[in-house]
Amino acid sequence: MSNPPPPNRGHQLVAWGFVAVQVLLIAGVILVPRGSQWPVSPALQWVGWIAMIAGIGIGLWAARYLGRGLTASPLPNGAVTLVTAGPYRYMRHPMYTAVMLIVSGVALRSGSWIVVALTVGLGALFWVKSAWEEQRLAETFPGYPAYQQAVPRFIPHPRRAAA
């Protein structure tokens, strides 16, 4: 098991800043009133539910493989070695993928462009947060750059799974 470098106060502030913005965006997706900007057909309801259920499944699968390494902070906590099995074999950030599927399902079912905008904002935040997080992971785990080259960030690609 590789221990992370000593905590850097600046890194901790950035990490928890990402978490705070993430929580605000997710709260917005959940709490903004439903809209009437488009008709939410039964088919769209089903697609939304399927996305949410898939997100929950991926999130539980990823949490199982992370175990004690699971944390809200994008800083490695030193509790585990680099995880490349389970969903991490197919995508580097399955927890972010899971959350995006869940909030996308909510957005589809919302009928609200505000909820869609918050969902897009969350996706942009995850892109920036994951890039920042990957710098910390590369500092902590010598094998991370090779893993990063072999496995897609969020969306699995059948030909690019870690061996």
N, C-alpha and C. Protein backbone atom coordinates (compact mmCIF):
# COMPACT_ATOMS: atom_id res chain seq x y z
N MET A 1 0.84 -1.16 0.00
CA MET A 1 0.00 0.00 0.00
C MET A 1 0.89 1.23 0.00
N SER A 2 0.56 2.18 -0.86
CA SER A 2 1.33 3.41 -0.96
C SER A 2 0.70 4.49 -0.10
N ASN A 3 1.51 5.13 0.71
CA ASN A 3 0.98 6.22 1.52
C ASN A 3 1.02 7.50 0.71
N PRO A 4 -0.04 8.33 0.84
CA PRO A 4 -0.03 9.60 0.11
C PRO A 4 1.01 10.52 0.71
N PRO A 5 1.46 11.50 -0.08
CA PRO A 5 2.39 12.48 0.49
C PRO A 5 1.74 13.20 1.66
N PRO A 6 2.53 13.81 2.53
CA PRO A 6 1.95 14.53 3.67
C PRO A 6 0.90 15.53 3.17
N PRO A 7 -0.15 15.73 3.97
CA PRO A 7 -1.21 16.65 3.54
C PRO A 7 -0.67 18.04 3.23
N ASN A 8 -1.08 18.56 2.12
CA ASN A 8 -0.73 19.90 1.68
C ASN A 8 -1.97 20.76 1.93
N ARG A 9 -1.85 21.79 2.74
CA ARG A 9 -3.01 22.62 3.11
C ARG A 9 -3.71 23.18 1.88
N GLY A 10 -2.94 23.62 0.90
CA GLY A 10 -3.54 24.15 -0.33
C GLY A 10 -4.34 23.08 -1.07
N HIS A 11 -3.78 21.88 -1.14
CA HIS A 11 -4.49 20.78 -1.80
C HIS A 11 -5.78 20.43 -1.05
N GLN A 12 -5.71 20.44 0.27
CA GLN A 12 -6.90 20.13 1.07
C GLN A 12 -8.00 21.17 0.83
N LEU A 13 -7.62 22.44 0.77
CA LEU A 13 -8.62 23.49 0.52
C LEU A 13 -9.25 23.34 -0.85
N VAL A 14 -8.44 23.06 -1.86
CA VAL A 14 -8.98 22.86 -3.21
C VAL A 14 -9.89 21.63 -3.24
N ALA A 15 -9.43 20.54 -2.63
CA ALA A 15 -10.21 19.30 -2.62
C ALA A 15 -11.58 19.52 -1.99
N TRP A 16 -11.63 20.15 -0.84
CA TRP A 16 -12.92 20.35 -0.17
C TRP A 16 -13.73 21.43 -0.86
N GLY A 17 -13.07 22.35 -1.56
CA GLY A 17 -13.80 23.31 -2.39
C GLY A 17 -14.55 22.60 -3.51
N PHE A 18 -13.89 21.64 -4.16
CA PHE A 18 -14.55 20.82 -5.19
C PHE A 18 -15.77 20.10 -4.59
N VAL A 19 -15.59 19.52 -3.42
CA VAL A 19 -16.67 18.77 -2.78
C VAL A 19 -17.84 19.71 -2.47
N ALA A 20 -17.56 20.91 -1.97
CA ALA A 20 -18.62 21.86 -1.63
C ALA A 20 -19.43 22.26 -2.86
N VAL A 21 -18.74 22.56 -3.96
CA VAL A 21 -19.44 22.93 -5.20
C VAL A 21 -20.25 21.75 -5.71
N GLN A 22 -19.68 20.56 -5.63
CA GLN A 22 -20.38 19.34 -6.06
C GLN A 22 -21.67 19.16 -5.26
N VAL A 23 -21.61 19.31 -3.95
CA VAL A 23 -22.79 19.16 -3.10
C VAL A 23 -23.84 20.20 -3.47
N LEU A 24 -23.43 21.45 -3.70
CA LEU A 24 -24.38 22.50 -4.07
C LEU A 24 -25.07 22.19 -5.40
N LEU A 25 -24.30 21.71 -6.39
CA LEU A 25 -24.89 21.39 -7.68
C LEU A 25 -25.87 20.21 -7.58
N ILE A 26 -25.49 19.19 -6.84
CA ILE A 26 -26.39 18.03 -6.67
C ILE A 26 -27.64 18.45 -5.91
N ALA A 27 -27.49 19.27 -4.88
CA ALA A 27 -28.65 19.77 -4.14
C ALA A 27 -29.57 20.56 -5.07
N GLY A 28 -28.97 21.37 -5.94
CA GLY A 28 -29.78 22.12 -6.90
C GLY A 28 -30.57 21.21 -7.82
N VAL A 29 -29.93 20.17 -8.32
CA VAL A 29 -30.62 19.22 -9.20
C VAL A 29 -31.81 18.60 -8.48
N ILE A 30 -31.64 18.29 -7.21
CA ILE A 30 -32.70 17.64 -6.44
C ILE A 30 -33.79 18.63 -6.01
N LEU A 31 -33.39 19.84 -5.64
CA LEU A 31 -34.32 20.76 -5.00
C LEU A 31 -35.00 21.76 -5.93
N VAL A 32 -34.44 22.01 -7.11
CA VAL A 32 -35.07 22.96 -8.03
C VAL A 32 -36.42 22.39 -8.44
N PRO A 33 -37.45 23.22 -8.40
CA PRO A 33 -38.77 22.71 -8.78
C PRO A 33 -38.80 22.18 -10.21
N ARG A 34 -39.61 21.17 -10.40
CA ARG A 34 -39.78 20.60 -11.73
C ARG A 34 -40.35 21.67 -12.65
N GLY A 35 -40.02 21.57 -13.93
CA GLY A 35 -40.47 22.57 -14.88
C GLY A 35 -41.46 22.01 -15.88
N SER A 36 -41.83 22.84 -16.82
CA SER A 36 -42.73 22.42 -17.88
C SER A 36 -42.18 22.84 -19.24
N GLN A 37 -40.86 22.90 -19.35
CA GLN A 37 -40.24 23.33 -20.60
C GLN A 37 -40.31 22.27 -21.69
N TRP A 38 -40.54 21.03 -21.34
CA TRP A 38 -40.76 19.96 -22.32
C TRP A 38 -41.67 18.91 -21.70
N PRO A 39 -42.39 18.20 -22.57
CA PRO A 39 -43.27 17.15 -22.03
C PRO A 39 -42.43 15.96 -21.57
N VAL A 40 -42.72 15.48 -20.39
CA VAL A 40 -42.02 14.32 -19.86
C VAL A 40 -42.90 13.11 -20.13
N SER A 41 -42.65 12.48 -21.27
CA SER A 41 -43.44 11.33 -21.70
C SER A 41 -43.13 10.11 -20.85
N PRO A 42 -44.00 9.11 -20.88
CA PRO A 42 -43.69 7.87 -20.16
C PRO A 42 -42.35 7.26 -20.62
N ALA A 43 -42.04 7.35 -21.91
CA ALA A 43 -40.76 6.80 -22.39
C ALA A 43 -39.59 7.55 -21.76
N LEU A 44 -39.70 8.88 -21.67
CA LEU A 44 -38.63 9.68 -21.05
C LEU A 44 -38.53 9.37 -19.56
N GLN A 45 -39.66 9.13 -18.92
CA GLN A 45 -39.66 8.72 -17.51
C GLN A 45 -38.86 7.42 -17.35
N TRP A 46 -39.12 6.47 -18.23
CA TRP A 46 -38.41 5.18 -18.16
C TRP A 46 -36.92 5.35 -18.41
N VAL A 47 -36.55 6.14 -19.40
CA VAL A 47 -35.12 6.37 -19.67
C VAL A 47 -34.46 7.00 -18.44
N GLY A 48 -35.15 7.96 -17.84
CA GLY A 48 -34.61 8.59 -16.62
C GLY A 48 -34.43 7.58 -15.49
N TRP A 49 -35.43 6.73 -15.29
CA TRP A 49 -35.32 5.72 -14.23
C TRP A 49 -34.19 4.74 -14.52
N ILE A 50 -34.06 4.31 -15.78
CA ILE A 50 -32.99 3.37 -16.14
C ILE A 50 -31.62 4.00 -15.88
N ALA A 51 -31.46 5.28 -16.24
CA ALA A 51 -30.18 5.97 -15.99
C ALA A 51 -29.90 6.02 -14.49
N MET A 52 -30.91 6.35 -13.70
CA MET A 52 -30.71 6.44 -12.25
C MET A 52 -30.37 5.08 -11.64
N ILE A 53 -31.07 4.04 -12.06
CA ILE A 53 -30.80 2.70 -11.53
C ILE A 53 -29.40 2.23 -11.95
N ALA A 54 -29.03 2.50 -13.21
CA ALA A 54 -27.68 2.14 -13.67
C ALA A 54 -26.63 2.88 -12.84
N GLY A 55 -26.87 4.16 -12.58
CA GLY A 55 -25.94 4.94 -11.76
C GLY A 55 -25.79 4.39 -10.36
N ILE A 56 -26.90 4.02 -9.76
CA ILE A 56 -26.84 3.43 -8.41
C ILE A 56 -26.05 2.13 -8.44
N GLY A 57 -26.30 1.30 -9.45
CA GLY A 57 -25.57 0.03 -9.57
C GLY A 57 -24.08 0.23 -9.74
N ILE A 58 -23.69 1.15 -10.63
CA ILE A 58 -22.26 1.42 -10.85
C ILE A 58 -21.64 1.99 -9.58
N GLY A 59 -22.36 2.89 -8.91
CA GLY A 59 -21.83 3.48 -7.68
C GLY A 59 -21.60 2.45 -6.58
N LEU A 60 -22.55 1.53 -6.41
CA LEU A 60 -22.37 0.48 -5.41
C LEU A 60 -21.22 -0.46 -5.78
N TRP A 61 -21.11 -0.78 -7.06
CA TRP A 61 -20.03 -1.65 -7.55
C TRP A 61 -18.69 -0.97 -7.29
N ALA A 62 -18.58 0.31 -7.62
CA ALA A 62 -17.32 1.04 -7.41
C ALA A 62 -16.99 1.14 -5.93
N ALA A 63 -17.99 1.43 -5.11
CA ALA A 63 -17.75 1.56 -3.66
C ALA A 63 -17.24 0.25 -3.08
N ARG A 64 -17.77 -0.85 -3.58
CA ARG A 64 -17.33 -2.17 -3.10
C ARG A 64 -15.84 -2.37 -3.38
N TYR A 65 -15.38 -1.95 -4.55
CA TYR A 65 -13.97 -2.14 -4.90
C TYR A 65 -13.06 -1.13 -4.21
N LEU A 66 -13.56 0.08 -3.95
CA LEU A 66 -12.73 1.06 -3.26
C LEU A 66 -12.60 0.74 -1.77
N GLY A 67 -13.65 0.20 -1.19
CA GLY A 67 -13.59 -0.15 0.24
C GLY A 67 -13.21 1.04 1.09
N ARG A 68 -12.16 0.86 1.90
CA ARG A 68 -11.72 1.93 2.82
C ARG A 68 -11.13 3.13 2.08
N GLY A 69 -10.87 2.99 0.80
CA GLY A 69 -10.35 4.11 0.02
C GLY A 69 -11.43 5.10 -0.39
N LEU A 70 -12.69 4.76 -0.15
CA LEU A 70 -13.82 5.62 -0.52
C LEU A 70 -13.85 6.84 0.37
N THR A 71 -13.83 8.00 -0.26
CA THR A 71 -13.88 9.27 0.45
C THR A 71 -14.51 10.31 -0.45
N ALA A 72 -15.12 11.32 0.15
CA ALA A 72 -15.69 12.41 -0.65
C ALA A 72 -14.59 13.28 -1.25
N SER A 73 -13.45 13.32 -0.60
CA SER A 73 -12.33 14.15 -1.06
C SER A 73 -11.64 13.53 -2.27
N PRO A 74 -11.22 14.35 -3.22
CA PRO A 74 -10.47 13.82 -4.35
C PRO A 74 -8.99 13.56 -4.04
N LEU A 75 -8.61 13.63 -2.78
CA LEU A 75 -7.24 13.31 -2.39
C LEU A 75 -7.15 11.84 -1.97
N PRO A 76 -6.14 11.10 -2.43
CA PRO A 76 -5.97 9.72 -1.95
C PRO A 76 -5.83 9.72 -0.43
N ASN A 77 -6.49 8.76 0.23
CA ASN A 77 -6.45 8.75 1.70
C ASN A 77 -5.43 7.76 2.26
N GLY A 78 -4.72 7.03 1.41
CA GLY A 78 -3.70 6.11 1.89
C GLY A 78 -4.23 4.80 2.43
N ALA A 79 -5.54 4.57 2.33
CA ALA A 79 -6.13 3.36 2.89
C ALA A 79 -6.02 2.15 1.97
N VAL A 80 -5.77 2.37 0.69
CA VAL A 80 -5.71 1.27 -0.27
C VAL A 80 -4.62 1.52 -1.30
N THR A 81 -4.27 0.46 -2.01
CA THR A 81 -3.38 0.61 -3.16
C THR A 81 -4.22 1.06 -4.34
N LEU A 82 -3.59 1.32 -5.46
CA LEU A 82 -4.31 1.74 -6.67
C LEU A 82 -5.30 0.65 -7.07
N VAL A 83 -6.57 1.01 -7.17
CA VAL A 83 -7.62 0.06 -7.52
C VAL A 83 -7.82 0.08 -9.03
N THR A 84 -7.63 -1.09 -9.67
CA THR A 84 -7.80 -1.19 -11.12
C THR A 84 -8.71 -2.37 -11.48
N ALA A 85 -9.42 -2.91 -10.51
CA ALA A 85 -10.32 -4.04 -10.75
C ALA A 85 -11.77 -3.57 -10.71
N GLY A 86 -12.68 -4.48 -11.01
CA GLY A 86 -14.10 -4.14 -11.00
C GLY A 86 -14.38 -3.06 -12.02
N PRO A 87 -15.16 -2.06 -11.67
CA PRO A 87 -15.48 -1.01 -12.64
C PRO A 87 -14.27 -0.16 -13.00
N TYR A 88 -13.26 -0.16 -12.13
CA TYR A 88 -12.04 0.61 -12.39
C TYR A 88 -11.23 -0.01 -13.52
N ARG A 89 -11.58 -1.18 -13.93
CA ARG A 89 -10.94 -1.80 -15.09
C ARG A 89 -11.44 -1.15 -16.39
N TYR A 90 -12.64 -0.58 -16.34
CA TYR A 90 -13.29 -0.03 -17.52
C TYR A 90 -13.33 1.49 -17.57
N MET A 91 -13.25 2.14 -16.41
CA MET A 91 -13.24 3.60 -16.34
C MET A 91 -12.51 4.03 -15.08
N ARG A 92 -11.79 5.14 -15.19
CA ARG A 92 -10.98 5.60 -14.06
C ARG A 92 -11.81 6.22 -12.94
N HIS A 93 -12.98 6.74 -13.27
CA HIS A 93 -13.79 7.44 -12.27
C HIS A 93 -15.24 6.95 -12.29
N PRO A 94 -15.47 5.69 -11.94
CA PRO A 94 -16.84 5.17 -11.99
C PRO A 94 -17.79 5.84 -10.99
N MET A 95 -17.27 6.36 -9.89
CA MET A 95 -18.17 7.05 -8.95
C MET A 95 -18.72 8.33 -9.60
N TYR A 96 -17.89 9.05 -10.33
CA TYR A 96 -18.37 10.25 -11.03
C TYR A 96 -19.36 9.86 -12.12
N THR A 97 -19.06 8.78 -12.84
CA THR A 97 -19.98 8.29 -13.86
C THR A 97 -21.32 7.94 -13.22
N ALA A 98 -21.28 7.29 -12.08
CA ALA A 98 -22.51 6.90 -11.38
C ALA A 98 -23.34 8.12 -11.01
N VAL A 99 -22.71 9.11 -10.42
CA VAL A 99 -23.43 10.32 -10.02
C VAL A 99 -24.00 11.02 -11.25
N MET A 100 -23.23 11.08 -12.33
CA MET A 100 -23.73 11.73 -13.55
C MET A 100 -24.91 10.98 -14.14
N LEU A 101 -24.91 9.67 -14.10
CA LEU A 101 -26.07 8.91 -14.57
C LEU A 101 -27.30 9.22 -13.72
N ILE A 102 -27.11 9.26 -12.42
CA ILE A 102 -28.25 9.53 -11.52
C ILE A 102 -28.82 10.92 -11.77
N VAL A 103 -27.97 11.94 -11.79
CA VAL A 103 -28.49 13.30 -11.98
C VAL A 103 -29.00 13.51 -13.40
N SER A 104 -28.43 12.81 -14.39
CA SER A 104 -28.95 12.90 -15.75
C SER A 104 -30.36 12.31 -15.82
N GLY A 105 -30.57 11.21 -15.10
CA GLY A 105 -31.91 10.63 -15.04
C GLY A 105 -32.90 11.60 -14.41
N VAL A 106 -32.48 12.27 -13.35
CA VAL A 106 -33.34 13.27 -12.71
C VAL A 106 -33.61 14.40 -13.69
N ALA A 107 -32.58 14.86 -14.40
CA ALA A 107 -32.74 15.98 -15.34
C ALA A 107 -33.70 15.62 -16.48
N LEU A 108 -33.58 14.41 -17.01
CA LEU A 108 -34.48 13.99 -18.09
C LEU A 108 -35.94 14.01 -17.63
N ARG A 109 -36.17 13.64 -16.41
CA ARG A 109 -37.52 13.53 -15.87
C ARG A 109 -38.04 14.86 -15.31
N SER A 110 -37.20 15.88 -15.28
CA SER A 110 -37.55 17.12 -14.58
C SER A 110 -38.42 18.08 -15.40
N GLY A 111 -38.24 18.10 -16.71
CA GLY A 111 -38.93 19.09 -17.51
C GLY A 111 -38.39 20.50 -17.29
N SER A 112 -37.18 20.62 -16.74
CA SER A 112 -36.61 21.92 -16.37
C SER A 112 -35.23 22.13 -16.98
N TRP A 113 -35.10 23.23 -17.73
CA TRP A 113 -33.79 23.56 -18.29
C TRP A 113 -32.81 23.96 -17.20
N ILE A 114 -33.31 24.47 -16.08
CA ILE A 114 -32.42 24.82 -14.97
C ILE A 114 -31.76 23.56 -14.42
N VAL A 115 -32.54 22.49 -14.27
CA VAL A 115 -31.98 21.23 -13.78
C VAL A 115 -30.97 20.68 -14.79
N VAL A 116 -31.28 20.80 -16.06
CA VAL A 116 -30.33 20.36 -17.10
C VAL A 116 -29.04 21.18 -17.00
N ALA A 117 -29.15 22.50 -16.84
CA ALA A 117 -27.96 23.35 -16.73
C ALA A 117 -27.13 22.97 -15.49
N LEU A 118 -27.78 22.70 -14.38
CA LEU A 118 -27.04 22.27 -13.18
C LEU A 118 -26.34 20.94 -13.42
N THR A 119 -26.99 20.04 -14.16
CA THR A 119 -26.39 18.74 -14.48
C THR A 119 -25.17 18.91 -15.38
N VAL A 120 -25.28 19.78 -16.37
CA VAL A 120 -24.13 20.06 -17.25
C VAL A 120 -23.00 20.69 -16.43
N GLY A 121 -23.36 21.59 -15.51
CA GLY A 121 -22.35 22.19 -14.64
C GLY A 121 -21.65 21.15 -13.79
N LEU A 122 -22.40 20.18 -13.29
CA LEU A 122 -21.80 19.11 -12.50
C LEU A 122 -20.85 18.28 -13.36
N GLY A 123 -21.24 18.00 -14.60
CA GLY A 123 -20.35 17.27 -15.50
C GLY A 123 -19.05 18.03 -15.74
N ALA A 124 -19.15 19.34 -15.94
CA ALA A 124 -17.95 20.16 -16.13
C ALA A 124 -17.08 20.15 -14.87
N LEU A 125 -17.73 20.25 -13.72
CA LEU A 125 -16.98 20.19 -12.45
C LEU A 125 -16.24 18.85 -12.34
N PHE A 126 -16.94 17.74 -12.65
CA PHE A 126 -16.29 16.43 -12.57
C PHE A 126 -15.11 16.34 -13.52
N TRP A 127 -15.18 16.96 -14.68
CA TRP A 127 -14.06 16.93 -15.63
C TRP A 127 -12.84 17.63 -15.00
N VAL A 128 -13.06 18.81 -14.46
CA VAL A 128 -11.96 19.58 -13.85
C VAL A 128 -11.47 18.88 -12.58
N LYS A 129 -12.40 18.44 -11.74
CA LYS A 129 -12.05 17.78 -10.49
C LYS A 129 -11.26 16.50 -10.75
N SER A 130 -11.68 15.71 -11.74
CA SER A 130 -10.98 14.46 -12.02
C SER A 130 -9.57 14.72 -12.56
N ALA A 131 -9.40 15.76 -13.37
CA ALA A 131 -8.06 16.10 -13.87
C ALA A 131 -7.15 16.50 -12.71
N TRP A 132 -7.67 17.30 -11.79
CA TRP A 132 -6.90 17.71 -10.62
C TRP A 132 -6.58 16.49 -9.74
N GLU A 133 -7.59 15.64 -9.54
CA GLU A 133 -7.42 14.43 -8.73
C GLU A 133 -6.36 13.51 -9.34
N GLU A 134 -6.35 13.40 -10.65
CA GLU A 134 -5.40 12.50 -11.31
C GLU A 134 -3.96 12.96 -11.12
N GLN A 135 -3.74 14.25 -10.97
CA GLN A 135 -2.39 14.73 -10.65
C GLN A 135 -1.97 14.21 -9.28
N ARG A 136 -2.87 14.23 -8.32
CA ARG A 136 -2.56 13.72 -6.98
C ARG A 136 -2.38 12.21 -7.00
N LEU A 137 -3.19 11.50 -7.80
CA LEU A 137 -3.06 10.04 -7.90
C LEU A 137 -1.71 9.67 -8.52
N ALA A 138 -1.27 10.41 -9.53
CA ALA A 138 0.01 10.13 -10.17
C ALA A 138 1.17 10.37 -9.20
N GLU A 139 1.00 11.35 -8.29
CA GLU A 139 2.04 11.61 -7.28
C GLU A 139 2.09 10.48 -6.25
N THR A 140 0.95 9.85 -5.99
CA THR A 140 0.84 8.83 -4.95
C THR A 140 1.14 7.43 -5.46
N PHE A 141 0.66 7.12 -6.68
CA PHE A 141 0.78 5.78 -7.22
C PHE A 141 1.65 5.79 -8.48
N PRO A 142 2.86 5.20 -8.42
CA PRO A 142 3.75 5.22 -9.59
C PRO A 142 3.12 4.60 -10.85
N GLY A 143 2.20 3.66 -10.70
CA GLY A 143 1.58 3.02 -11.85
C GLY A 143 0.42 3.79 -12.45
N TYR A 144 0.06 4.93 -11.84
CA TYR A 144 -1.13 5.63 -12.32
C TYR A 144 -1.01 6.15 -13.75
N PRO A 145 0.10 6.74 -14.17
CA PRO A 145 0.17 7.23 -15.56
C PRO A 145 -0.10 6.14 -16.60
N ALA A 146 0.41 4.94 -16.39
CA ALA A 146 0.15 3.84 -17.34
C ALA A 146 -1.33 3.46 -17.31
N TYR A 147 -1.91 3.40 -16.13
CA TYR A 147 -3.34 3.11 -15.99
C TYR A 147 -4.17 4.19 -16.69
N GLN A 148 -3.77 5.43 -16.51
CA GLN A 148 -4.46 6.57 -17.10
C GLN A 148 -4.45 6.47 -18.63
N GLN A 149 -3.35 6.00 -19.18
CA GLN A 149 -3.25 5.85 -20.64
C GLN A 149 -4.11 4.70 -21.15
N ALA A 150 -4.31 3.68 -20.33
CA ALA A 150 -5.00 2.46 -20.77
C ALA A 150 -6.51 2.50 -20.58
N VAL A 151 -7.00 3.31 -19.64
CA VAL A 151 -8.42 3.24 -19.25
C VAL A 151 -9.07 4.61 -19.43
N PRO A 152 -10.25 4.66 -20.06
CA PRO A 152 -10.95 5.94 -20.25
C PRO A 152 -11.38 6.56 -18.92
N ARG A 153 -11.60 7.86 -18.94
CA ARG A 153 -11.92 8.60 -17.73
C ARG A 153 -13.31 8.24 -17.17
N PHE A 154 -14.37 8.44 -17.97
CA PHE A 154 -15.73 8.28 -17.47
C PHE A 154 -16.56 7.23 -18.20
N ILE A 155 -16.38 7.12 -19.48
CA ILE A 155 -17.24 6.26 -20.30
C ILE A 155 -16.45 5.04 -20.74
N PRO A 156 -16.91 3.86 -20.35
CA PRO A 156 -16.17 2.64 -20.72
C PRO A 156 -16.08 2.46 -22.23
N HIS A 157 -14.97 1.93 -22.65
CA HIS A 157 -14.76 1.57 -24.05
C HIS A 157 -14.28 0.13 -24.04
N PRO A 158 -15.01 -0.78 -24.69
CA PRO A 158 -14.70 -2.21 -24.55
C PRO A 158 -13.26 -2.59 -24.93
N ARG A 159 -12.65 -1.86 -25.82
CA ARG A 159 -11.29 -2.20 -26.26
C ARG A 159 -10.21 -1.59 -25.40
N ARG A 160 -10.58 -0.73 -24.44
CA ARG A 160 -9.58 -0.05 -23.62
C ARG A 160 -9.77 -0.36 -22.14
N ALA A 161 -9.78 -1.61 -21.79
CA ALA A 161 -9.87 -2.00 -20.39
C ALA A 161 -8.50 -2.38 -19.89
N ALA A 162 -8.24 -2.08 -18.61
CA ALA A 162 -6.95 -2.46 -18.01
C ALA A 162 -6.83 -3.97 -18.00
N ALA A 163 -5.63 -4.45 -18.19
CA ALA A 163 -5.39 -5.90 -18.20
C ALA A 163 -5.42 -6.48 -16.82
